[in-house]
C-alpha atoms as a PDB file:
ATOM      1  CA  UNK A   1      98.312   2.709   5.496  1.00  0.00           C
ATOM      2  CA  UNK A   2      98.684   1.120   2.526  1.00  0.00           C
ATOM      3  CA  UNK A   3      96.348   0.735  -0.336  1.00  0.00           C
ATOM      4  CA  UNK A   4      94.122  -2.353   0.873  1.00  0.00           C
ATOM      5  CA  UNK A   5      93.646  -0.137   4.468  1.00  0.00           C
ATOM      6  CA  UNK A   6      92.990   2.582   2.500  1.00  0.00           C
ATOM      7  CA  UNK A   7      90.190   0.924   0.471  1.00  0.00           C
ATOM      8  CA  UNK A   8      88.271  -0.900   3.310  1.00  0.00           C
ATOM      9  CA  UNK A   9      88.155   2.916   5.470  1.00  0.00           C
ATOM     10  CA  UNK A  10      87.037   4.432   2.450  1.00  0.00           C
ATOM     11  CA  UNK A  11      84.689   1.726   2.188  1.00  0.00           C
ATOM     12  CA  UNK A  12      83.185   2.037   5.499  1.00  0.00           C
ATOM     13  CA  UNK A  13      83.158   5.097   5.478  1.00  0.00           C
ATOM     14  CA  UNK A  14      80.768   4.849   2.740  1.00  0.00           C
ATOM     15  CA  UNK A  15      78.605   2.573   3.145  1.00  0.00           C
ATOM     16  CA  UNK A  16      77.742   4.362   7.105  1.00  0.00           C
ATOM     17  CA  UNK A  17      77.317   7.453   4.029  1.00  0.00           C
ATOM     18  CA  UNK A  18      74.900   5.334   2.692  1.00  0.00           C
ATOM     19  CA  UNK A  19      73.053   3.985   6.019  1.00  0.00           C
ATOM     20  CA  UNK A  20      72.894   7.366   7.840  1.00  0.00           C
ATOM     21  CA  UNK A  21      71.518   8.902   4.283  1.00  0.00           C
ATOM     22  CA  UNK A  22      68.933   5.869   4.083  1.00  0.00           C
ATOM     23  CA  UNK A  23      67.500   6.706   7.378  1.00  0.00           C
ATOM     24  CA  UNK A  24      66.837  10.458   6.711  1.00  0.00           C
ATOM     25  CA  UNK A  25      65.658   9.310   4.075  1.00  0.00           C
ATOM     26  CA  UNK A  26      63.272   7.756   5.468  1.00  0.00           C
ATOM     27  CA  UNK A  27      63.243   9.387   8.261  1.00  0.00           C
ATOM     28  CA  UNK A  28      62.003  11.544   5.890  1.00  0.00           C
ATOM     29  CA  UNK A  29      59.350  10.421   4.680  1.00  0.00           C
ATOM     30  CA  UNK A  30      57.530   9.310   8.542  1.00  0.00           C
ATOM     31  CA  UNK A  31      57.264  13.247   8.334  1.00  0.00           C
ATOM     32  CA  UNK A  32      55.313  13.503   5.464  1.00  0.00           C
ATOM     33  CA  UNK A  33      51.856  15.323   5.196  1.00  0.00           C
ATOM     34  CA  UNK A  34      49.287  12.453   5.400  1.00  0.00           C
ATOM     35  CA  UNK A  35      47.520  11.869   2.021  1.00  0.00           C
ATOM     36  CA  UNK A  36      44.186  11.489   0.627  1.00  0.00           C
ATOM     37  CA  UNK A  37      44.222  10.127  -2.775  1.00  0.00           C
ATOM     38  CA  UNK A  38      41.113   8.682  -3.940  1.00  0.00           C
ATOM     39  CA  UNK A  39      38.216   8.586  -2.535  1.00  0.00           C
ATOM     40  CA  UNK A  40      35.027   6.042  -4.450  1.00  0.00           C
ATOM     41  CA  UNK A  41      31.923   5.590  -3.700  1.00  0.00           C
ATOM     42  CA  UNK A  42      29.733   2.588  -5.090  1.00  0.00           C
ATOM     43  CA  UNK A  43      26.825   3.245  -6.033  1.00  0.00           C
ATOM     44  CA  UNK A  44      26.658   6.444  -7.205  1.00  0.00           C
ATOM     45  CA  UNK A  45      22.936   6.487  -7.485  1.00  0.00           C
ATOM     46  CA  UNK A  46      20.988   4.546  -4.888  1.00  0.00           C
ATOM     47  CA  UNK A  47      16.762   4.493  -4.914  1.00  0.00           C
ATOM     48  CA  UNK A  48      14.880   6.856  -2.478  1.00  0.00           C
ATOM     49  CA  UNK A  49      14.305   3.341  -0.255  1.00  0.00           C
ATOM     50  CA  UNK A  50      17.981   3.394   0.861  1.00  0.00           C
ATOM     51  CA  UNK A  51      20.913   1.365   0.910  1.00  0.00           C
ATOM     52  CA  UNK A  52      24.487  -0.061   1.452  1.00  0.00           C
ATOM     53  CA  UNK A  53      27.306   2.492  -0.630  1.00  0.00           C
ATOM     54  CA  UNK A  54      30.899   0.655  -0.485  1.00  0.00           C
ATOM     55  CA  UNK A  55      33.535   3.257  -0.292  1.00  0.00           C
ATOM     56  CA  UNK A  56      37.583   2.423  -0.584  1.00  0.00           C
ATOM     57  CA  UNK A  57      39.907   5.784   0.847  1.00  0.00           C
ATOM     58  CA  UNK A  58      43.614   5.185  -0.818  1.00  0.00           C
ATOM     59  CA  UNK A  59      46.374   6.368   1.266  1.00  0.00           C
ATOM     60  CA  UNK A  60      49.519   7.606   1.915  1.00  0.00           C
ATOM     61  CA  UNK A  61      52.016   8.838   5.019  1.00  0.00           C
ATOM     62  CA  UNK A  62      48.428   7.930   7.044  1.00  0.00           C
ATOM     63  CA  UNK A  63      47.540   6.175  10.406  1.00  0.00           C
ATOM     64  CA  UNK A  64      43.793   7.476  10.222  1.00  0.00           C
ATOM     65  CA  UNK A  65      41.379   8.433   8.245  1.00  0.00           C
ATOM     66  CA  UNK A  66      38.311  10.380   9.684  1.00  0.00           C
ATOM     67  CA  UNK A  67      35.047   9.492   6.990  1.00  0.00           C
ATOM     68  CA  UNK A  68      32.955  12.434   7.315  1.00  0.00           C
ATOM     69  CA  UNK A  69      28.710  12.348   5.978  1.00  0.00           C
ATOM     70  CA  UNK A  70      26.061  14.976   4.739  1.00  0.00           C
ATOM     71  CA  UNK A  71      23.257  14.748   5.471  1.00  0.00           C
ATOM     72  CA  UNK A  72      24.402  14.067   8.958  1.00  0.00           C
ATOM     73  CA  UNK A  73      24.037  10.509   9.804  1.00  0.00           C
ATOM     74  CA  UNK A  74      24.037   8.301  12.678  1.00  0.00           C
ATOM     75  CA  UNK A  75      27.667   6.792  13.756  1.00  0.00           C
ATOM     76  CA  UNK A  76      29.506   9.577  11.520  1.00  0.00           C
ATOM     77  CA  UNK A  77      32.230  11.217  11.219  1.00  0.00           C
ATOM     78  CA  UNK A  78      33.648   8.025  11.887  1.00  0.00           C
ATOM     79  CA  UNK A  79      37.956   7.623  12.391  1.00  0.00           C
ATOM     80  CA  UNK A  80      39.152   4.604  10.849  1.00  0.00           C
ATOM     81  CA  UNK A  81      43.335   2.989  11.063  1.00  0.00           C
ATOM     82  CA  UNK A  82      44.126   3.515   7.409  1.00  0.00           C
ATOM     83  CA  UNK A  83      47.978   2.502   7.908  1.00  0.00           C
ATOM     84  CA  UNK A  84      48.063   0.265   5.050  1.00  0.00           C
ATOM     85  CA  UNK A  85      47.626   2.369   2.286  1.00  0.00           C
ATOM     86  CA  UNK A  86      43.872   1.483   2.437  1.00  0.00           C
ATOM     87  CA  UNK A  87      40.748   1.721   4.061  1.00  0.00           C
ATOM     88  CA  UNK A  88      37.374  -0.147   3.121  1.00  0.00           C
ATOM     89  CA  UNK A  89      33.956   0.014   5.435  1.00  0.00           C
ATOM     90  CA  UNK A  90      30.731  -0.055   3.378  1.00  0.00           C
ATOM     91  CA  UNK A  91      27.405   2.670   5.224  1.00  0.00           C
ATOM     92  CA  UNK A  92      24.228   2.182   5.378  1.00  0.00           C
ATOM     93  CA  UNK A  93      22.020   4.525   3.901  1.00  0.00           C
ATOM     94  CA  UNK A  94      18.316   4.741   4.870  1.00  0.00           C
ATOM     95  CA  UNK A  95      15.185   5.582   2.926  1.00  0.00           C
ATOM     96  CA  UNK A  96      14.781   9.817   1.539  1.00  0.00           C
ATOM     97  CA  UNK A  97      11.983  10.600   2.984  1.00  0.00           C
ATOM     98  CA  UNK A  98      12.482  14.552   1.486  1.00  0.00           C
ATOM     99  CA  UNK A  99       9.820  15.648  -1.679  1.00  0.00           C
ATOM    100  CA  UNK A 100      12.665  15.743  -2.984  1.00  0.00           C
ATOM    101  CA  UNK A 101      15.825  14.114  -4.620  1.00  0.00           C
ATOM    102  CA  UNK A 102      19.667  14.673  -2.134  1.00  0.00           C
ATOM    103  CA  UNK A 103      22.692  14.697  -2.511  1.00  0.00           C
ATOM    104  CA  UNK A 104      24.638  12.531  -0.085  1.00  0.00           C
ATOM    105  CA  UNK A 105      28.941  13.883   0.637  1.00  0.00           C
ATOM    106  CA  UNK A 106      31.530  11.648   1.611  1.00  0.00           C
ATOM    107  CA  UNK A 107      34.292  13.465   3.218  1.00  0.00           C
ATOM    108  CA  UNK A 108      37.982  12.461   4.343  1.00  0.00           C
ATOM    109  CA  UNK A 109      40.814  13.572   6.005  1.00  0.00           C
ATOM    110  CA  UNK A 110      44.213  11.460   6.957  1.00  0.00           C
ATOM    111  CA  UNK A 111      46.338  11.703  10.279  1.00  0.00           C
ATOM    112  CA  UNK A 112      49.658  10.916   9.964  1.00  0.00           C
ATOM    113  CA  UNK A 113      53.473  11.859  11.921  1.00  0.00           C
ATOM    114  CA  UNK A 114      53.711  14.692   8.870  1.00  0.00           C
ATOM    115  CA  UNK A 115      50.131  15.883   9.915  1.00  0.00           C
ATOM    116  CA  UNK A 116      46.533  16.381   8.219  1.00  0.00           C
ATOM    117  CA  UNK A 117      45.876  15.781   5.174  1.00  0.00           C
ATOM    118  CA  UNK A 118      43.076  17.882   2.913  1.00  0.00           C
ATOM    119  CA  UNK A 119      40.165  16.773   2.699  1.00  0.00           C
ATOM    120  CA  UNK A 120      38.823  14.938  -0.413  1.00  0.00           C
ATOM    121  CA  UNK A 121      35.484  14.153  -1.810  1.00  0.00           C
ATOM    122  CA  UNK A 122      32.532  12.069  -3.666  1.00  0.00           C
ATOM    123  CA  UNK A 123      29.207  12.572  -3.754  1.00  0.00           C
ATOM    124  CA  UNK A 124      26.115  10.037  -4.311  1.00  0.00           C
ATOM    125  CA  UNK A 125      22.349  10.716  -5.387  1.00  0.00           C
ATOM    126  CA  UNK A 126      19.596   9.429  -4.058  1.00  0.00           C
ATOM    127  CA  UNK A 127      16.237   9.570  -4.674  1.00  0.00           C
ATOM    128  CA  UNK A 128      12.969  10.061  -4.081  1.00  0.00           C
ATOM    129  CA  UNK A 129      10.061   8.229  -4.585  1.00  0.00           C
ATOM    130  CA  UNK A 130       6.732   9.442  -3.157  1.00  0.00           C
ATOM    131  CA  UNK A 131       5.246  12.784  -3.113  1.00  0.00           C
ATOM    132  CA  UNK A 132       1.631  14.045  -3.544  1.00  0.00           C
ATOM    133  CA  UNK A 133       0.043  14.271  -6.932  1.00  0.00           C
ATOM    134  CA  UNK A 134       2.346  18.033  -8.283  1.00  0.00           C
ATOM    135  CA  UNK A 135       5.180  16.347  -6.930  1.00  0.00           C
ATOM    136  CA  UNK A 136       8.394  16.577  -9.424  1.00  0.00           C
ATOM    137  CA  UNK A 137      10.510  12.881  -8.890  1.00  0.00           C
ATOM    138  CA  UNK A 138      13.628  11.146  -9.955  1.00  0.00           C
ATOM    139  CA  UNK A 139      14.314   8.621 -11.418  1.00  0.00           C
ATOM    140  CA  UNK A 140      16.958   7.012 -13.025  1.00  0.00           C
ATOM    141  CA  UNK A 141      17.611   5.371 -16.315  1.00  0.00           C
ATOM    142  CA  UNK A 142      20.086   2.397 -16.883  1.00  0.00           C
ATOM    143  CA  UNK A 143      22.759   4.752 -17.421  1.00  0.00           C
ATOM    144  CA  UNK A 144      22.159   6.893 -13.926  1.00  0.00           C
ATOM    145  CA  UNK A 145      21.191   9.893 -15.682  1.00  0.00           C
ATOM    146  CA  UNK A 146      18.058  11.978 -14.176  1.00  0.00           C
ATOM    147  CA  UNK A 147      14.885  12.691 -15.669  1.00  0.00           C
ATOM    148  CA  UNK A 148      12.388  14.129 -13.348  1.00  0.00           C
ATOM    149  CA  UNK A 149       8.604  13.278 -13.364  1.00  0.00           C
ATOM    150  CA  UNK A 150       5.727  15.486 -12.237  1.00  0.00           C
ATOM    151  CA  UNK A 151       2.821  14.021 -12.331  1.00  0.00           C
ATOM    152  CA  UNK A 152       0.364  16.741 -12.893  1.00  0.00           C
ATOM    153  CA  UNK A 153      -3.462  15.680 -12.222  1.00  0.00           C
ATOM    154  CA  UNK A 154      -5.479  12.173 -13.456  1.00  0.00           C
ATOM    155  CA  UNK A 155      -8.204  13.264 -15.591  1.00  0.00           C
ATOM    156  CA  UNK A 156     -10.869  10.037 -13.998  1.00  0.00           C
ATOM    157  CA  UNK A 157     -13.112  10.021 -16.179  1.00  0.00           C
ATOM    158  CA  UNK A 158     -11.058  10.862 -19.472  1.00  0.00           C
ATOM    159  CA  UNK A 159     -13.582  10.879 -22.876  1.00  0.00           C
ATOM    160  CA  UNK A 160     -12.470   8.769 -25.801  1.00  0.00           C
ATOM    161  CA  UNK A 161     -10.436  10.744 -28.780  1.00  0.00           C
ATOM    162  CA  UNK A 162     -14.174  10.541 -30.836  1.00  0.00           C
ATOM    163  CA  UNK A 163     -17.373   8.818 -30.401  1.00  0.00           C
ATOM    164  CA  UNK A 164     -16.049   5.577 -32.047  1.00  0.00           C
ATOM    165  CA  UNK A 165     -13.268   5.582 -28.928  1.00  0.00           C
ATOM    166  CA  UNK A 166     -14.921   3.461 -25.905  1.00  0.00           C
ATOM    167  CA  UNK A 167     -13.564   1.601 -22.847  1.00  0.00           C
ATOM    168  CA  UNK A 168     -15.018  -1.885 -21.972  1.00  0.00           C
ATOM    169  CA  UNK A 169     -18.025  -2.736 -20.959  1.00  0.00           C
ATOM    170  CA  UNK A 170     -17.781  -1.604 -17.333  1.00  0.00           C
ATOM    171  CA  UNK A 171     -14.632   0.291 -17.812  1.00  0.00           C
ATOM    172  CA  UNK A 172     -14.190   3.688 -18.168  1.00  0.00           C
ATOM    173  CA  UNK A 173     -10.931   5.594 -19.078  1.00  0.00           C
ATOM    174  CA  UNK A 174      -8.212   7.823 -16.648  1.00  0.00           C
ATOM    175  CA  UNK A 175      -5.934  10.089 -17.808  1.00  0.00           C
ATOM    176  CA  UNK A 176      -2.754  10.386 -16.170  1.00  0.00           C
ATOM    177  CA  UNK A 177      -1.078  13.725 -17.477  1.00  0.00           C
ATOM    178  CA  UNK A 178       2.213  14.989 -16.996  1.00  0.00           C
ATOM    179  CA  UNK A 179       5.802  16.474 -17.492  1.00  0.00           C
ATOM    180  CA  UNK A 180       9.543  15.217 -17.916  1.00  0.00           C
ATOM    181  CA  UNK A 181      12.618  17.028 -17.461  1.00  0.00           C
ATOM    182  CA  UNK A 182      15.569  15.774 -18.511  1.00  0.00           C
ATOM    183  CA  UNK A 183      18.126  17.045 -15.663  1.00  0.00           C
ATOM    184  CA  UNK A 184      20.957  15.269 -16.875  1.00  0.00           C
ATOM    185  CA  UNK A 185      23.950  16.296 -20.310  1.00  0.00           C
ATOM    186  CA  UNK A 186      23.113  12.763 -21.766  1.00  0.00           C
ATOM    187  CA  UNK A 187      19.686  12.486 -24.329  1.00  0.00           C
ATOM    188  CA  UNK A 188      16.920  10.120 -23.017  1.00  0.00           C
ATOM    189  CA  UNK A 189      14.810   8.057 -24.074  1.00  0.00           C
ATOM    190  CA  UNK A 190      11.666   5.396 -23.654  1.00  0.00           C
ATOM    191  CA  UNK A 191       7.785   5.078 -23.557  1.00  0.00           C
ATOM    192  CA  UNK A 192       5.779   6.573 -21.251  1.00  0.00           C
ATOM    193  CA  UNK A 193       3.679   3.585 -21.603  1.00  0.00           C
ATOM    194  CA  UNK A 194       5.583   1.085 -20.273  1.00  0.00           C
ATOM    195  CA  UNK A 195       6.958   3.031 -17.786  1.00  0.00           C
ATOM    196  CA  UNK A 196       3.955   4.431 -16.508  1.00  0.00           C
ATOM    197  CA  UNK A 197       1.112   2.345 -13.807  1.00  0.00           C
ATOM    198  CA  UNK A 198      -1.850   2.873 -12.083  1.00  0.00           C
ATOM    199  CA  UNK A 199      -2.288   1.769  -8.582  1.00  0.00           C
ATOM    200  CA  UNK A 200      -6.549   0.921  -8.690  1.00  0.00           C
ATOM    201  CA  UNK A 201      -7.960   1.473  -4.528  1.00  0.00           C
ATOM    202  CA  UNK A 202      -8.512  -2.571  -4.864  1.00  0.00           C
ATOM    203  CA  UNK A 203      -4.524  -2.339  -4.822  1.00  0.00           C
ATOM    204  CA  UNK A 204      -4.338  -3.885  -8.748  1.00  0.00           C
ATOM    205  CA  UNK A 205      -1.968  -2.597 -10.836  1.00  0.00           C
ATOM    206  CA  UNK A 206      -3.515  -1.251 -13.918  1.00  0.00           C
ATOM    207  CA  UNK A 207      -0.981  -1.493 -17.504  1.00  0.00           C
ATOM    208  CA  UNK A 208      -1.431   1.940 -20.247  1.00  0.00           C
ATOM    209  CA  UNK A 209      -4.241   1.561 -22.648  1.00  0.00           C
ATOM    210  CA  UNK A 210      -3.501   2.418 -25.896  1.00  0.00           C
ATOM    211  CA  UNK A 211      -6.488   4.751 -26.955  1.00  0.00           C
ATOM    212  CA  UNK A 212      -6.247   8.325 -27.347  1.00  0.00           C
ATOM    213  CA  UNK A 213      -8.304  10.676 -25.503  1.00  0.00           C
ATOM    214  CA  UNK A 214      -9.484  14.204 -25.551  1.00  0.00           C
ATOM    215  CA  UNK A 215      -7.457  16.154 -22.918  1.00  0.00           C
ATOM    216  CA  UNK A 216      -4.583  15.134 -24.037  1.00  0.00           C
ATOM    217  CA  UNK A 217      -2.352  13.897 -25.959  1.00  0.00           C
ATOM    218  CA  UNK A 218       0.005  10.722 -24.852  1.00  0.00           C
ATOM    219  CA  UNK A 219       3.556  11.635 -26.770  1.00  0.00           C
ATOM    220  CA  UNK A 220       4.558  10.444 -29.766  1.00  0.00           C
ATOM    221  CA  UNK A 221       2.420   7.176 -29.348  1.00  0.00           C
ATOM    222  CA  UNK A 222       3.653   6.883 -25.212  1.00  0.00           C
ATOM    223  CA  UNK A 223       8.140   7.302 -26.834  1.00  0.00           C
ATOM    224  CA  UNK A 224       9.751  10.613 -25.670  1.00  0.00           C
ATOM    225  CA  UNK A 225      13.391  11.471 -26.169  1.00  0.00           C
ATOM    226  CA  UNK A 226      14.761  14.706 -24.810  1.00  0.00           C
ATOM    227  CA  UNK A 227      17.818  15.733 -25.064  1.00  0.00           C
ATOM    228  CA  UNK A 228      19.552  17.231 -21.938  1.00  0.00           C
ATOM    229  CA  UNK A 229      17.580  20.403 -20.699  1.00  0.00           C
ATOM    230  CA  UNK A 230      14.026  19.305 -23.013  1.00  0.00           C
ATOM    231  CA  UNK A 231      11.113  18.609 -21.743  1.00  0.00           C
ATOM    232  CA  UNK A 232       7.559  17.043 -22.888  1.00  0.00           C
ATOM    233  CA  UNK A 233       4.485  16.557 -21.839  1.00  0.00           C
ATOM    234  CA  UNK A 234       2.078  14.415 -22.822  1.00  0.00           C
ATOM    235  CA  UNK A 235      -0.777  11.205 -20.926  1.00  0.00           C
ATOM    236  CA  UNK A 236      -1.117   7.702 -20.732  1.00  0.00           C
ATOM    237  CA  UNK A 237      -4.171   6.541 -20.875  1.00  0.00           C
ATOM    238  CA  UNK A 238      -5.638   3.790 -18.756  1.00  0.00           C
ATOM    239  CA  UNK A 239      -8.623   1.688 -18.564  1.00  0.00           C
ATOM    240  CA  UNK A 240     -10.007   1.026 -14.775  1.00  0.00           C
ATOM    241  CA  UNK A 241     -12.551  -1.047 -13.131  1.00  0.00           C
ATOM    242  CA  UNK A 242     -15.761   1.540 -12.848  1.00  0.00           C
ATOM    243  CA  UNK A 243     -16.305   2.047  -9.044  1.00  0.00           C
ATOM    244  CA  UNK A 244     -11.956   1.599  -8.727  1.00  0.00           C
ATOM    245  CA  UNK A 245     -10.341   4.897  -8.238  1.00  0.00           C
ATOM    246  CA  UNK A 246      -6.486   6.002  -8.972  1.00  0.00           C
ATOM    247  CA  UNK A 247      -4.788   5.267  -5.343  1.00  0.00           C
ATOM    248  CA  UNK A 248      -1.230   5.832  -6.779  1.00  0.00           C
ATOM    249  CA  UNK A 249       0.570   6.661 -10.006  1.00  0.00           C
ATOM    250  CA  UNK A 250       3.721   5.310 -10.639  1.00  0.00           C
ATOM    251  CA  UNK A 251       6.499   5.191 -12.642  1.00  0.00           C
ATOM    252  CA  UNK A 252       9.950   3.369 -13.124  1.00  0.00           C
ATOM    253  CA  UNK A 253      12.661   3.026 -16.228  1.00  0.00           C
ATOM    254  CA  UNK A 254      13.026  -0.488 -14.423  1.00  0.00           C
ATOM    255  CA  UNK A 255      10.265  -1.405 -12.077  1.00  0.00           C
ATOM    256  CA  UNK A 256      12.262  -4.054 -10.781  1.00  0.00           C
ATOM    257  CA  UNK A 257      15.594  -3.300 -10.503  1.00  0.00           C
ATOM    258  CA  UNK A 258      16.269   0.600 -10.742  1.00  0.00           C
ATOM    259  CA  UNK A 259      13.907   3.141  -8.444  1.00  0.00           C
ATOM    260  CA  UNK A 260      10.474   3.991  -9.382  1.00  0.00           C
ATOM    261  CA  UNK A 261       8.637   7.567  -8.257  1.00  0.00           C
ATOM    262  CA  UNK A 262       4.968   7.378  -7.055  1.00  0.00           C
ATOM    263  CA  UNK A 263       2.472   9.902  -6.413  1.00  0.00           C
ATOM    264  CA  UNK A 264      -0.661   9.369  -4.059  1.00  0.00           C
ATOM    265  CA  UNK A 265      -3.850  10.587  -5.174  1.00  0.00           C
END
């Protein structure tokens, strides 16, 4: 065998080895256990009214991905095709009727030719928004920090702090006494006077009055600042027309955008 023929034979052998090795590597890859690389949920905080949560799953070596929700949600667990390496879906979450906030758990595992993956989990918190006087309800600020608010009592009527502090003619003072507790790791600061609203039995919304009453203090002119784990008590004062009673009390950092807690009188 001449040198040229020998070189051709050796080249063919090398090519076969390369092809066989590549086929073996591909076969090995297809037998790798499925993996869930990430589960991303948006938003991470829902108001009590509920809403839609977007779920994005990234996976490897998988053919199907199974999504489970806790608390149990109709239609789940549900299995999706995810061979393309990702899964995107949307889940509609119902109103939270519990008298406290809840945590929603989104768990995903994947299956493939090489077997099942471990489960990965992401969480969404959902507030509650309605309860009787004395109930503790959670609200969220723009940074998703949680403030636990308890309306402890409605003082009706309330009396001015001195003889010179009197309501307008035909009105009376009403004070909403409350406790605020920071449930987050960050500092929470805001103004209870702007956060609190009274709904009257005439279905009108009443905003805070800035007079002081003798039964309680108005935080620091309405303002409060709490470090992690901190709590403050105070009241917000209103003027309501005589003959109009308190139907409900509402608290929100931004009632047009963020969740609103409501206590029914």
